[in-house]
Amino acid sequence: MTKIKYYPPTYESESFNCAHCRVYSSQYWCYLRTVRMPHVGHIIQDRTLPDHFAASLCGYCRGWSIWIEEILVYPAQVAVENPNEDMPEDVKKLYMESAQVLSTSPRAAAALLRLGLQMLLGVVGGDGNNINDDIGKIVKLGVEPETQKALDLLRVFGNNGAHPGEIKLDEDPGLVIKMYELMNYITDRLITQKDQINELFEGLPEGIKAQIELRDNKKKEEKS
């Protein structure tokens, strides 16, 4: 699966993935520059404001995003990359629920992703009860070192969301955003790529598959 690069909403950026439609699109900015206020003697005065209040308009869906002091406040859900289409539905729901609370509680978001990982491991060969034990089982089944590291990173970050730890997720919410990328990476390695290979293999002519099966059976007999 070809990974499409994700560009999160960034203050005053000319283009990014829209928080509404998630499409990478041009963004058009406007600012609240003045406020009209009553003064002594009921005289109305216009006061110039600093660049604290801004809005960006998506060039694709025409949705407005509101920014205060360079922070995206609407839509409330922080736009993270979409979950992998092959992610199990229950895990996908936790992924999206986590994204909804990311802006207000990075630790809660991390804890939800940890639960999602636990459920995902139960689908791909683990028991779905103990993350650390399940990672060990998945590693024994055979995964590349990068996937093992991704699993442990997601586990460690998630543990620090569920329980106080050395990693301060509230102080560095960017680490939690990385967790969504790790979840998609893991899903791609453990589900998407295997499904694609199995589908290609099943498409082989029956005669060729029979030859492969015969070869593998001979190897098993030689080992025994």
Protein backbone atom coordinates (compact mmCIF):
# COMPACT_ATOMS: atom_id res chain seq x y z
CA MET A 1 0.00 0.00 0.00
CA THR A 2 1.42 3.37 -1.00
CA LYS A 3 1.41 5.72 1.99
CA ILE A 4 0.08 9.20 1.23
CA LYS A 5 1.97 11.87 3.14
CA TYR A 6 -0.18 13.69 5.68
CA TYR A 7 0.25 17.42 6.35
CA PRO A 8 -1.48 18.45 9.60
CA PRO A 9 -3.23 21.85 9.87
CA THR A 10 -0.58 24.46 10.61
CA TYR A 11 -1.11 28.13 11.43
CA GLU A 12 -0.72 30.38 8.36
CA SER A 13 0.36 27.49 6.13
CA GLU A 14 -0.71 27.93 2.51
CA SER A 15 -1.79 24.28 2.23
CA PHE A 16 -2.40 21.29 4.49
CA ASN A 17 -4.87 18.43 5.03
CA CYS A 18 -8.14 20.13 5.93
CA ALA A 19 -9.52 19.41 9.42
CA HIS A 20 -13.00 19.08 7.87
CA CYS A 21 -12.59 17.01 4.68
CA ARG A 22 -8.99 15.81 5.32
CA VAL A 23 -8.09 16.56 1.70
CA TYR A 24 -4.71 18.20 1.04
CA SER A 25 -5.75 21.58 -0.28
CA SER A 26 -4.88 25.27 -0.51
CA GLN A 27 -5.92 27.37 2.48
CA TYR A 28 -7.03 31.00 2.40
CA TRP A 29 -6.55 33.12 5.52
CA CYS A 30 -8.41 36.05 7.04
CA TYR A 31 -7.91 37.87 10.35
CA LEU A 32 -9.95 39.81 12.87
CA ARG A 33 -7.98 43.06 12.90
CA THR A 34 -10.19 45.54 14.78
CA VAL A 35 -12.94 45.55 17.37
CA ARG A 36 -15.46 48.36 17.83
CA MET A 37 -15.92 49.25 21.51
CA PRO A 38 -17.91 51.96 23.39
CA HIS A 39 -15.70 54.46 25.20
CA VAL A 40 -16.20 57.35 27.61
CA GLY A 41 -19.07 59.56 26.50
CA HIS A 42 -20.54 56.77 24.38
CA ILE A 43 -17.96 57.42 21.69
CA ILE A 44 -17.32 54.35 19.57
CA GLN A 45 -13.66 53.55 19.04
CA ASP A 46 -12.03 50.99 16.77
CA ARG A 47 -9.18 49.18 18.47
CA THR A 48 -6.54 47.30 16.53
CA LEU A 49 -6.06 43.71 17.64
CA PRO A 50 -2.94 41.55 17.52
CA ASP A 51 -3.03 38.52 15.25
CA HIS A 52 -4.77 36.39 17.85
CA PHE A 53 -7.93 35.61 15.89
CA ALA A 54 -7.81 34.03 12.45
CA ALA A 55 -9.79 31.76 10.14
CA SER A 56 -8.67 29.54 7.27
CA LEU A 57 -10.90 28.56 4.34
CA CYS A 58 -10.32 25.21 2.64
CA GLY A 59 -10.01 25.54 -1.11
CA TYR A 60 -11.56 22.10 -1.61
CA CYS A 61 -14.56 21.79 0.71
CA ARG A 62 -14.96 25.50 1.58
CA GLY A 63 -15.02 24.64 5.28
CA TRP A 64 -13.89 27.28 7.77
CA SER A 65 -11.39 26.49 10.52
CA ILE A 66 -11.06 28.89 13.48
CA TRP A 67 -7.72 29.68 15.12
CA ILE A 68 -7.07 31.53 18.40
CA GLU A 69 -3.49 32.46 19.31
CA GLU A 70 -2.24 30.22 16.49
CA ILE A 71 -4.10 27.16 17.86
CA LEU A 72 -6.82 25.36 15.92
CA VAL A 73 -9.99 25.47 18.04
CA TYR A 74 -12.61 24.53 15.42
CA PRO A 75 -13.19 21.82 14.36
CA ALA A 76 -12.52 20.56 17.89
CA GLN A 77 -11.22 17.22 16.62
CA VAL A 78 -7.53 17.39 15.81
CA ALA A 79 -7.06 16.20 12.24
CA VAL A 80 -4.87 13.13 12.29
CA GLU A 81 -4.30 10.89 9.30
CA ASN A 82 -7.21 8.60 8.42
CA PRO A 83 -7.09 5.07 9.84
CA ASN A 84 -5.88 2.32 7.52
CA GLU A 85 -8.89 0.91 5.64
CA ASP A 86 -7.89 -2.62 6.68
CA MET A 87 -7.92 -1.75 10.39
CA PRO A 88 -10.56 -3.83 12.23
CA GLU A 89 -13.75 -1.83 12.77
CA ASP A 90 -13.58 -1.93 16.58
CA VAL A 91 -10.00 -0.68 16.47
CA LYS A 92 -10.94 1.99 13.93
CA LYS A 93 -13.65 3.30 16.28
CA LEU A 94 -11.13 3.64 19.11
CA TYR A 95 -8.73 5.37 16.71
CA MET A 96 -11.34 8.00 15.84
CA GLU A 97 -12.51 8.35 19.46
CA SER A 98 -8.91 9.00 20.43
CA ALA A 99 -8.59 11.70 17.77
CA GLN A 100 -11.65 13.47 19.19
CA VAL A 101 -10.04 13.96 22.62
CA LEU A 102 -6.46 14.57 21.46
CA SER A 103 -6.68 18.37 21.67
CA THR A 104 -8.02 18.34 25.25
CA SER A 105 -6.20 15.33 26.72
CA PRO A 106 -3.20 13.80 24.92
CA ARG A 107 -2.87 11.23 27.70
CA ALA A 108 -6.47 10.04 27.25
CA ALA A 109 -5.92 9.86 23.49
CA ALA A 110 -2.79 7.76 24.02
CA ALA A 111 -4.61 5.41 26.40
CA LEU A 112 -7.36 4.82 23.83
CA LEU A 113 -4.78 4.03 21.15
CA ARG A 114 -3.12 1.59 23.55
CA LEU A 115 -6.46 -0.20 23.92
CA GLY A 116 -6.78 -0.19 20.12
CA LEU A 117 -3.35 -1.83 19.81
CA GLN A 118 -4.37 -4.49 22.34
CA MET A 119 -7.44 -5.33 20.26
CA LEU A 120 -5.45 -5.30 17.02
CA LEU A 121 -2.90 -7.77 18.39
CA GLY A 122 -5.75 -10.09 19.33
CA VAL A 123 -6.76 -10.18 15.65
CA VAL A 124 -3.31 -10.91 14.20
CA GLY A 125 -2.18 -13.76 16.45
CA GLY A 126 -2.15 -12.61 20.06
CA ASP A 127 -4.62 -13.20 22.87
CA GLY A 128 -5.67 -9.54 23.13
CA ASN A 129 -5.11 -9.56 26.90
CA ASN A 130 -1.50 -8.53 27.59
CA ILE A 131 0.17 -6.24 25.06
CA ASN A 132 3.74 -7.11 26.02
CA ASP A 133 3.07 -10.87 25.83
CA ASP A 134 1.22 -10.48 22.53
CA ILE A 135 4.09 -8.52 20.99
CA GLY A 136 6.38 -11.40 21.95
CA LYS A 137 4.03 -13.86 20.21
CA ILE A 138 3.83 -11.71 17.07
CA VAL A 139 7.63 -11.41 16.96
CA LYS A 140 7.96 -15.23 17.15
CA LEU A 141 5.59 -15.53 14.20
CA GLY A 142 8.06 -13.42 12.22
CA VAL A 143 8.11 -9.65 11.74
CA GLU A 144 10.85 -7.29 10.61
CA PRO A 145 12.72 -5.34 13.33
CA GLU A 146 11.06 -2.05 12.34
CA THR A 147 7.59 -3.46 12.99
CA GLN A 148 8.71 -4.78 16.38
CA LYS A 149 10.06 -1.33 17.27
CA ALA A 150 6.79 0.29 16.14
CA LEU A 151 4.83 -2.13 18.35
CA ASP A 152 6.98 -1.35 21.38
CA LEU A 153 6.88 2.39 20.77
CA LEU A 154 3.08 2.34 20.64
CA ARG A 155 2.99 0.16 23.77
CA VAL A 156 5.35 2.44 25.74
CA PHE A 157 3.61 5.68 24.72
CA GLY A 158 0.23 4.12 25.45
CA ASN A 159 1.38 2.94 28.88
CA ASN A 160 2.45 6.48 29.72
CA GLY A 161 -1.01 7.65 28.75
CA ALA A 162 -2.73 5.11 30.96
CA HIS A 163 -0.30 5.41 33.90
CA PRO A 164 2.14 8.12 35.03
CA GLY A 165 5.55 7.48 33.52
CA GLU A 166 8.85 8.99 32.47
CA ILE A 167 7.45 10.25 29.16
CA LYS A 168 5.32 13.39 29.65
CA LEU A 169 2.76 13.21 26.87
CA ASP A 170 1.00 16.38 28.04
CA GLU A 171 4.26 18.27 27.59
CA ASP A 172 4.89 16.82 24.13
CA PRO A 173 1.54 15.98 22.43
CA GLY A 174 3.46 15.57 19.17
CA LEU A 175 4.44 12.12 20.45
CA VAL A 176 0.76 11.16 20.59
CA ILE A 177 0.25 12.31 16.99
CA LYS A 178 3.08 9.94 16.03
CA MET A 179 1.08 7.12 17.64
CA TYR A 180 -1.58 7.38 14.91
CA GLU A 181 1.11 6.98 12.27
CA LEU A 182 2.50 3.97 14.14
CA MET A 183 -0.96 2.38 14.36
CA ASN A 184 -1.41 2.71 10.60
CA TYR A 185 2.12 1.44 9.97
CA ILE A 186 1.50 -1.65 12.12
CA THR A 187 -1.85 -2.33 10.45
CA ASP A 188 -0.19 -2.08 7.04
CA ARG A 189 2.57 -4.53 7.99
CA LEU A 190 0.47 -7.07 9.88
CA ILE A 191 -2.75 -6.99 7.85
CA THR A 192 -2.68 -5.05 4.57
CA GLN A 193 0.52 -6.43 3.07
CA LYS A 194 -0.27 -10.01 4.10
CA ASP A 195 -3.75 -9.75 2.59
CA GLN A 196 -2.33 -8.39 -0.66
CA ILE A 197 0.24 -11.21 -0.90
CA ASN A 198 -2.36 -13.88 -0.09
CA GLU A 199 -4.71 -12.45 -2.72
CA LEU A 200 -1.96 -12.53 -5.36
CA PHE A 201 -1.03 -16.08 -4.41
CA GLU A 202 -4.64 -17.28 -4.58
CA GLY A 203 -4.79 -15.85 -8.11
CA LEU A 204 -2.09 -18.27 -9.32
CA PRO A 205 -3.18 -21.17 -11.54
CA GLU A 206 -4.09 -24.28 -9.53
CA GLY A 207 -1.31 -26.30 -11.19
CA ILE A 208 1.38 -23.89 -10.02
CA LYS A 209 -0.03 -23.82 -6.47
CA ALA A 210 -0.03 -27.63 -6.45
CA GLN A 211 3.66 -27.67 -7.46
CA ILE A 212 4.51 -25.25 -4.64
CA GLU A 213 2.58 -27.34 -2.12
CA LEU A 214 4.37 -30.50 -3.30
CA ARG A 215 7.77 -28.81 -2.92
CA ASP A 216 6.95 -27.62 0.61
CA ASN A 217 5.70 -31.06 1.63
CA LYS A 218 8.97 -32.62 0.45
CA LYS A 219 10.92 -30.16 2.59
CA LYS A 220 8.83 -31.06 5.64
CA GLU A 221 9.45 -34.78 5.04
CA GLU A 222 13.20 -34.21 4.71
CA LYS A 223 13.29 -32.32 8.05
CA SER A 224 11.34 -35.07 9.80
